Amino acid sequence: MRSDSTAPRFGLRLGLLGGAALIAVALFFVLGVPAGAWAFALKFRTGKVVALILVAFAISASTQLFHVTTRNQILTPAIMGFDALYLMIQTGLVYSIGGMAALSIDPVAKFSAEVVAMMVFSTGLFLWLFTAKSRDLHLLVLVGIIFGALFRSLSNFAARMIDPNDFVVVQGEMFARFNAVNLDLLWISIGLCAGTVPILWGMRHQFDVLALGRETAINLGLRYKRVMLISFATIGLLVSVSTALVGPVTFFGLLVTHLAYRFLPGARFGVTLIATTLVAIVTLVGGQAIFEHVLGFKGTLSVVIDMLGGLVFLTLLLKGAAK
C-alpha cells in the first residue's frame, strides 16, 4: 500500500502537468494570431488541437499498456511491426494502382481499411501465440520483430519498382504529419479512441496486477488470457487509429512514457495513464505550436521527437546492458 504522504505528492505533480498541458494548448491558440482574426484562428485551430490531443492520448496510452503486458519498458508497439505494416500498405497501394489513383481513394474508406488491417494483425498475433503450446511473451516480441523486418523489406522492394513521380506519394506517408491532419477522419477517430477510455480506466487495477507477471497474476485470481486479449486489442486499436491519422511515430510513445515514469516514480497504472497523456499533450501540442507558429515550419516536430526518443531508447539499452 502506498503511504498517505505519497498520494498528495502525485496529486500535486499531476496538477503541474495539467497546468503545463493547458498552457501548451493556450499557446497553440494564441501564438501568431493577428489582431481581429481571433474568430477565424479559433475555428481553424480547434480541429488541429483536438487531433493532436487525440494522437497524444492514443500513442501514450498504447505504449504504457504495452509496457505493462510485456513487463519491459524498452519495448513499444512499433516493435510489433505496426509502423512497417502501415508503410507496406501505403507502398503496396501506390505500386498497385498508381499515385494519383491512391490519392483519389475516399479517405474514410482508406482509413477504415488501414485500421482494420492493423487491428487484425495485432489480435491475430495474440490469438496465434496463445493457441500454441508455448505461451512465452518473448515469442510475441520476436515474431513482431520478424514481421516488421518482412514488411520493411517488402516496402523497400515495392518502392524501388514505383515510378519516381508516384514515389512522392509514398514519401509523404513515411513521416508523421502533425500539421496536416485530415479533419474528416477526426470524428471517427474520436469515437474509436473514446471507446477505449472506459476499458483502460475500468481495468486499471487489473493492469496493476498484470504488471506483477503471469504466474503472480494468475495466483491472485486474474483472468490472465482474457485481460491479455483485451490489452492487445486495445493497443492495436489505439496504435492503428493514431498511425492511420497522422502516420508513423516510432519513438514518441517511448519518450513521453519514460518522462512520466521519471516524474511520478512508483505510481500505479491509473495515475501514470493520466501523467503520460498530459506529458504527451505538452510535448505534441506545445512542440507543434513552436514549430508551426514561432518557427514558421522551418523544422519538423516528428524528426525532433524521433531523435530525442531514439536517444532515450539507446540510453535504456545501454543501462540494460550495464546491468
Protein backbone atom coordinates (compact mmCIF):
# COMPACT_ATOMS: atom_id res chain seq x y z
CA MET A 1 0.00 0.00 0.00
CA ARG A 2 1.20 3.49 -0.82
CA SER A 3 1.63 5.80 2.12
CA ASP A 4 -0.74 8.73 2.56
CA SER A 5 2.12 11.18 2.08
CA THR A 6 2.73 9.85 -1.43
CA ALA A 7 -0.78 10.49 -2.81
CA PRO A 8 -0.70 14.29 -2.35
CA ARG A 9 2.73 14.35 -3.99
CA PHE A 10 1.32 12.62 -7.06
CA GLY A 11 -1.72 14.91 -6.98
CA LEU A 12 0.49 17.99 -6.99
CA ARG A 13 2.60 16.66 -9.84
CA LEU A 14 -0.46 15.76 -11.87
CA GLY A 15 -1.72 19.28 -11.27
CA LEU A 16 1.55 20.70 -12.58
CA LEU A 17 1.33 18.52 -15.68
CA GLY A 18 -2.29 19.55 -16.20
CA GLY A 19 -1.33 23.22 -15.94
CA ALA A 20 1.50 22.71 -18.44
CA ALA A 21 -0.91 20.99 -20.85
CA LEU A 22 -3.36 23.90 -20.60
CA ILE A 23 -0.54 26.37 -21.26
CA ALA A 24 0.56 24.37 -24.32
CA VAL A 25 -2.99 24.37 -25.70
CA ALA A 26 -3.37 28.10 -25.00
CA LEU A 27 -0.09 28.85 -26.77
CA PHE A 28 -1.22 26.90 -29.80
CA PHE A 29 -4.37 29.02 -29.99
CA VAL A 30 -2.83 32.47 -29.43
CA LEU A 31 0.65 32.37 -30.99
CA GLY A 32 0.90 34.20 -34.29
CA VAL A 33 -2.73 35.33 -34.39
CA PRO A 34 -3.04 38.86 -35.85
CA ALA A 35 -5.42 41.38 -34.30
CA GLY A 36 -9.01 40.94 -35.40
CA ALA A 37 -8.54 37.36 -36.60
CA TRP A 38 -9.37 35.55 -33.36
CA ALA A 39 -12.64 34.03 -34.58
CA PHE A 40 -11.02 32.58 -37.70
CA ALA A 41 -7.98 31.33 -35.78
CA LEU A 42 -10.07 29.60 -33.12
CA LYS A 43 -12.21 27.89 -35.76
CA PHE A 44 -9.20 26.84 -37.82
CA ARG A 45 -7.02 25.66 -34.94
CA THR A 46 -9.62 23.88 -32.80
CA GLY A 47 -9.73 20.84 -35.05
CA LYS A 48 -5.94 20.61 -35.07
CA VAL A 49 -5.70 20.80 -31.28
CA VAL A 50 -8.33 18.10 -30.83
CA ALA A 51 -6.49 15.87 -33.32
CA LEU A 52 -3.15 16.40 -31.57
CA ILE A 53 -4.67 15.64 -28.15
CA LEU A 54 -6.28 12.51 -29.57
CA VAL A 55 -2.97 11.30 -31.04
CA ALA A 56 -1.16 12.14 -27.79
CA PHE A 57 -3.60 10.01 -25.80
CA ALA A 58 -3.61 7.11 -28.28
CA ILE A 59 0.17 6.79 -28.55
CA SER A 60 0.97 7.33 -24.86
CA ALA A 61 -1.78 5.02 -23.57
CA SER A 62 -0.96 2.21 -26.01
CA THR A 63 2.75 2.39 -25.17
CA GLN A 64 2.14 2.32 -21.42
CA LEU A 65 -0.26 -0.63 -21.74
CA PHE A 66 2.27 -2.43 -23.94
CA HIS A 67 4.90 -1.92 -21.22
CA VAL A 68 2.54 -3.50 -18.69
CA THR A 69 1.66 -6.52 -20.82
CA THR A 70 5.28 -7.24 -21.82
CA ARG A 71 6.78 -6.18 -18.47
CA ASN A 72 9.50 -4.40 -20.43
CA GLN A 73 9.76 -0.62 -20.58
CA ILE A 74 12.07 -0.59 -23.60
CA LEU A 75 9.56 -2.19 -25.97
CA THR A 76 6.90 -0.21 -27.84
CA PRO A 77 4.03 -1.23 -30.14
CA ALA A 78 6.24 -0.22 -33.07
CA ILE A 79 8.44 -3.23 -32.28
CA MET A 80 5.48 -5.42 -33.31
CA GLY A 81 5.71 -4.02 -36.85
CA PHE A 82 2.80 -1.56 -36.82
CA ASP A 83 4.73 1.25 -38.49
CA ALA A 84 6.24 -1.15 -41.03
CA LEU A 85 2.80 -2.59 -41.81
CA TYR A 86 1.41 0.90 -42.35
CA LEU A 87 4.23 1.79 -44.76
CA MET A 88 3.79 -1.53 -46.59
CA ILE A 89 0.09 -0.77 -47.07
CA GLN A 90 0.87 2.68 -48.49
CA THR A 91 3.66 1.43 -50.75
CA GLY A 92 1.65 -1.56 -51.97
CA LEU A 93 -1.33 0.64 -52.72
CA VAL A 94 0.68 3.09 -54.82
CA TYR A 95 2.50 0.26 -56.58
CA SER A 96 -0.79 -1.46 -57.44
CA ILE A 97 -2.94 1.43 -58.67
CA GLY A 98 -0.60 4.40 -59.02
CA GLY A 99 -0.08 7.61 -57.06
CA MET A 100 -2.98 9.64 -58.44
CA ALA A 101 -5.44 6.78 -58.01
CA ALA A 102 -4.24 6.26 -54.43
CA LEU A 103 -4.80 9.93 -53.66
CA SER A 104 -8.32 9.77 -55.11
CA ILE A 105 -9.47 6.98 -52.77
CA ASP A 106 -12.12 8.04 -50.27
CA PRO A 107 -10.21 8.99 -47.08
CA VAL A 108 -12.78 7.34 -44.79
CA ALA A 109 -12.64 4.05 -46.69
CA LYS A 110 -8.84 4.12 -46.76
CA PHE A 111 -8.64 4.99 -43.06
CA SER A 112 -11.08 2.20 -42.15
CA ALA A 113 -9.14 -0.37 -44.18
CA GLU A 114 -5.86 0.62 -42.54
CA VAL A 115 -7.32 0.41 -39.03
CA VAL A 116 -8.90 -2.98 -39.72
CA ALA A 117 -5.67 -4.35 -41.22
CA MET A 118 -3.56 -3.30 -38.24
CA MET A 119 -6.19 -4.50 -35.76
CA VAL A 120 -6.31 -7.91 -37.41
CA PHE A 121 -2.51 -8.06 -37.36
CA SER A 122 -2.23 -7.30 -33.62
CA THR A 123 -5.05 -9.52 -32.39
CA GLY A 124 -4.03 -12.26 -34.82
CA LEU A 125 -0.55 -12.32 -33.30
CA PHE A 126 -2.05 -12.69 -29.84
CA LEU A 127 -4.51 -15.44 -30.79
CA TRP A 128 -1.82 -17.38 -32.63
CA LEU A 129 0.53 -17.06 -29.67
CA PHE A 130 -1.95 -18.20 -27.05
CA THR A 131 -3.37 -21.09 -29.04
CA ALA A 132 0.13 -22.51 -29.43
CA LYS A 133 1.71 -24.78 -26.85
CA SER A 134 4.30 -22.17 -25.95
CA ARG A 135 2.87 -19.08 -24.31
CA ASP A 136 6.11 -17.21 -23.89
CA LEU A 137 5.58 -13.47 -24.30
CA HIS A 138 9.09 -13.13 -25.70
CA LEU A 139 7.88 -15.14 -28.68
CA LEU A 140 5.38 -12.34 -29.40
CA VAL A 141 8.18 -9.80 -29.42
CA LEU A 142 10.35 -11.96 -31.66
CA VAL A 143 7.51 -12.54 -34.10
CA GLY A 144 6.80 -8.81 -34.12
CA ILE A 145 10.42 -8.05 -34.99
CA ILE A 146 10.39 -10.64 -37.78
CA PHE A 147 7.14 -9.32 -39.25
CA GLY A 148 8.45 -5.76 -39.00
CA ALA A 149 11.58 -6.71 -40.94
CA LEU A 150 9.46 -8.54 -43.52
CA PHE A 151 7.11 -5.59 -44.01
CA ARG A 152 10.02 -3.14 -44.36
CA SER A 153 11.72 -5.39 -46.91
CA LEU A 154 8.53 -5.69 -48.96
CA SER A 155 8.02 -1.91 -48.76
CA ASN A 156 11.56 -1.22 -49.94
CA PHE A 157 11.19 -3.76 -52.76
CA ALA A 158 7.94 -2.19 -53.98
CA ALA A 159 9.34 1.34 -53.58
CA ARG A 160 12.21 0.54 -55.96
CA MET A 161 9.71 -0.50 -58.62
CA ILE A 162 7.40 2.51 -58.27
CA ASP A 163 7.52 5.32 -60.78
CA PRO A 164 9.55 8.23 -59.31
CA ASN A 165 6.59 10.58 -59.69
CA ASP A 166 4.37 8.21 -57.74
CA PHE A 167 7.02 7.65 -55.08
CA VAL A 168 6.40 11.21 -53.85
CA VAL A 169 3.03 9.99 -52.56
CA VAL A 170 4.70 7.19 -50.58
CA GLN A 171 7.40 9.54 -49.31
CA GLY A 172 4.75 11.78 -47.79
CA GLU A 173 3.47 8.83 -45.73
CA MET A 174 6.86 7.90 -44.28
CA PHE A 175 6.83 10.63 -41.63
CA ALA A 176 4.20 11.85 -39.20
CA ARG A 177 2.05 14.73 -40.46
CA PHE A 178 1.14 16.70 -37.34
CA ASN A 179 0.46 19.87 -39.34
CA ALA A 180 -1.73 18.19 -41.97
CA VAL A 181 -4.27 16.11 -40.05
CA ASN A 182 -7.32 15.10 -42.09
CA LEU A 183 -10.15 16.57 -40.02
CA ASP A 184 -12.73 14.49 -41.92
CA LEU A 185 -11.40 11.45 -40.08
CA LEU A 186 -11.34 13.15 -36.68
CA TRP A 187 -14.85 12.23 -35.55
CA ILE A 188 -14.32 8.58 -36.41
CA SER A 189 -11.01 8.59 -34.53
CA ILE A 190 -12.60 10.27 -31.50
CA GLY A 191 -15.33 7.63 -31.39
CA LEU A 192 -12.86 4.75 -31.64
CA CYS A 193 -10.46 6.13 -29.02
CA ALA A 194 -13.27 7.18 -26.68
CA GLY A 195 -14.39 3.56 -26.58
CA THR A 196 -11.04 2.56 -25.06
CA VAL A 197 -11.21 5.04 -22.16
CA PRO A 198 -13.74 3.03 -20.06
CA ILE A 199 -11.64 -0.09 -20.70
CA LEU A 200 -8.36 1.48 -19.64
CA TRP A 201 -9.80 3.18 -16.58
CA GLY A 202 -12.17 0.40 -15.54
CA MET A 203 -9.43 -2.23 -15.72
CA ARG A 204 -6.64 -0.09 -14.25
CA HIS A 205 -6.43 -2.24 -11.09
CA GLN A 206 -6.29 -5.43 -13.18
CA PHE A 207 -3.44 -3.91 -15.18
CA ASP A 208 -1.61 -3.27 -11.88
CA VAL A 209 -1.94 -6.98 -11.10
CA LEU A 210 -0.93 -7.91 -14.66
CA ALA A 211 2.29 -5.93 -14.23
CA LEU A 212 3.32 -8.36 -11.47
CA GLY A 213 3.83 -11.14 -14.00
CA ARG A 214 1.83 -14.05 -15.41
CA GLU A 215 2.23 -16.54 -12.56
CA THR A 216 1.60 -13.98 -9.82
CA ALA A 217 -1.41 -12.53 -11.64
CA ILE A 218 -2.99 -15.95 -12.11
CA ASN A 219 -2.38 -16.86 -8.46
CA LEU A 220 -4.12 -13.63 -7.44
CA GLY A 221 -7.19 -14.66 -9.43
CA LEU A 222 -6.70 -12.55 -12.56
CA ARG A 223 -8.28 -13.97 -15.72
CA TYR A 224 -4.96 -13.69 -17.48
CA LYS A 225 -5.86 -14.73 -21.03
CA ARG A 226 -8.95 -12.51 -21.10
CA VAL A 227 -7.07 -9.46 -19.79
CA MET A 228 -4.21 -10.03 -22.23
CA LEU A 229 -6.64 -10.30 -25.16
CA ILE A 230 -8.35 -7.06 -24.16
CA SER A 231 -4.97 -5.40 -23.70
CA PHE A 232 -3.64 -6.30 -27.14
CA ALA A 233 -6.93 -5.46 -28.85
CA THR A 234 -6.89 -2.06 -27.15
CA ILE A 235 -3.26 -1.48 -28.07
CA GLY A 236 -3.96 -2.47 -31.65
CA LEU A 237 -6.93 -0.10 -31.92
CA LEU A 238 -5.11 2.90 -30.43
CA VAL A 239 -1.96 2.42 -32.49
CA SER A 240 -3.97 1.78 -35.65
CA VAL A 241 -6.02 4.95 -35.26
CA SER A 242 -3.05 7.20 -34.46
CA THR A 243 -0.89 5.76 -37.25
CA ALA A 244 -3.65 5.95 -39.86
CA LEU A 245 -4.48 9.52 -38.76
CA VAL A 246 -1.02 11.16 -38.70
CA GLY A 247 1.45 8.49 -39.87
CA PRO A 248 4.18 6.52 -38.05
CA VAL A 249 5.88 7.97 -34.97
CA THR A 250 8.37 5.38 -33.80
CA PHE A 251 9.77 6.80 -30.56
CA PHE A 252 7.13 9.28 -29.38
CA GLY A 253 5.43 6.80 -27.04
CA LEU A 254 8.74 5.69 -25.56
CA LEU A 255 9.77 9.31 -24.95
CA VAL A 256 6.61 10.50 -23.18
CA THR A 257 6.07 7.37 -21.08
CA HIS A 258 9.58 7.48 -19.66
CA LEU A 259 9.24 11.18 -18.91
CA ALA A 260 6.08 10.30 -16.97
CA TYR A 261 7.77 7.37 -15.20
CA ARG A 262 10.57 9.68 -14.04
CA PHE A 263 8.16 12.40 -12.95
CA LEU A 264 5.89 10.02 -11.00
CA PRO A 265 8.10 7.09 -9.90
CA GLY A 266 6.19 4.17 -8.45
CA ALA A 267 2.74 5.40 -9.49
CA ARG A 268 0.10 2.85 -10.38
CA PHE A 269 -1.42 2.38 -13.83
CA GLY A 270 -4.31 4.83 -13.47
CA VAL A 271 -2.16 7.71 -12.21
CA THR A 272 0.56 7.00 -14.75
CA LEU A 273 -2.04 6.88 -17.56
CA ILE A 274 -3.10 10.43 -16.74
CA ALA A 275 0.51 11.54 -16.46
CA THR A 276 1.64 10.02 -19.76
CA THR A 277 -1.32 11.57 -21.57
CA LEU A 278 -0.58 15.01 -20.13
CA VAL A 279 3.14 14.73 -20.94
CA ALA A 280 2.23 13.70 -24.48
CA ILE A 281 -0.12 16.68 -24.85
CA VAL A 282 2.56 19.08 -23.61
CA THR A 283 5.12 17.59 -25.98
CA LEU A 284 2.91 17.32 -29.06
CA VAL A 285 0.73 20.43 -28.78
CA GLY A 286 3.46 22.64 -27.32
CA GLY A 287 6.04 21.42 -29.82
CA GLN A 288 3.72 21.88 -32.78
CA ALA A 289 2.84 25.38 -31.55
CA ILE A 290 6.52 26.32 -31.59
CA PHE A 291 7.34 24.74 -34.94
CA GLU A 292 4.18 25.98 -36.64
CA HIS A 293 3.54 29.43 -35.17
CA VAL A 294 7.00 30.55 -34.00
CA LEU A 295 9.48 28.92 -36.38
CA GLY A 296 7.14 29.06 -39.35
CA PHE A 297 7.55 25.41 -40.40
CA LYS A 298 11.33 25.75 -40.58
CA GLY A 299 11.61 22.44 -38.80
CA THR A 300 9.66 19.20 -38.38
CA LEU A 301 8.42 18.13 -34.96
CA SER A 302 8.34 14.42 -35.83
CA VAL A 303 12.06 14.45 -36.66
CA VAL A 304 12.93 16.07 -33.32
CA ILE A 305 10.69 13.64 -31.43
CA ASP A 306 12.24 10.62 -33.13
CA MET A 307 15.73 11.97 -32.40
CA LEU A 308 15.01 12.51 -28.69
CA GLY A 309 13.10 9.23 -28.44
CA GLY A 310 15.96 7.42 -30.16
CA LEU A 311 18.38 8.83 -27.59
CA VAL A 312 16.09 7.59 -24.79
CA PHE A 313 15.95 4.17 -26.45
CA LEU A 314 19.73 3.94 -26.72
CA THR A 315 20.12 5.09 -23.10
CA LEU A 316 17.74 2.39 -21.89
CA LEU A 317 19.54 -0.24 -23.92
CA LEU A 318 22.92 0.81 -22.51
CA LYS A 319 21.58 0.78 -18.97
CA GLY A 320 20.11 -2.67 -19.52
CA ALA A 321 23.41 -3.93 -20.92
CA ALA A 322 25.30 -2.46 -17.96
CA LYS A 323 23.08 -4.38 -15.54
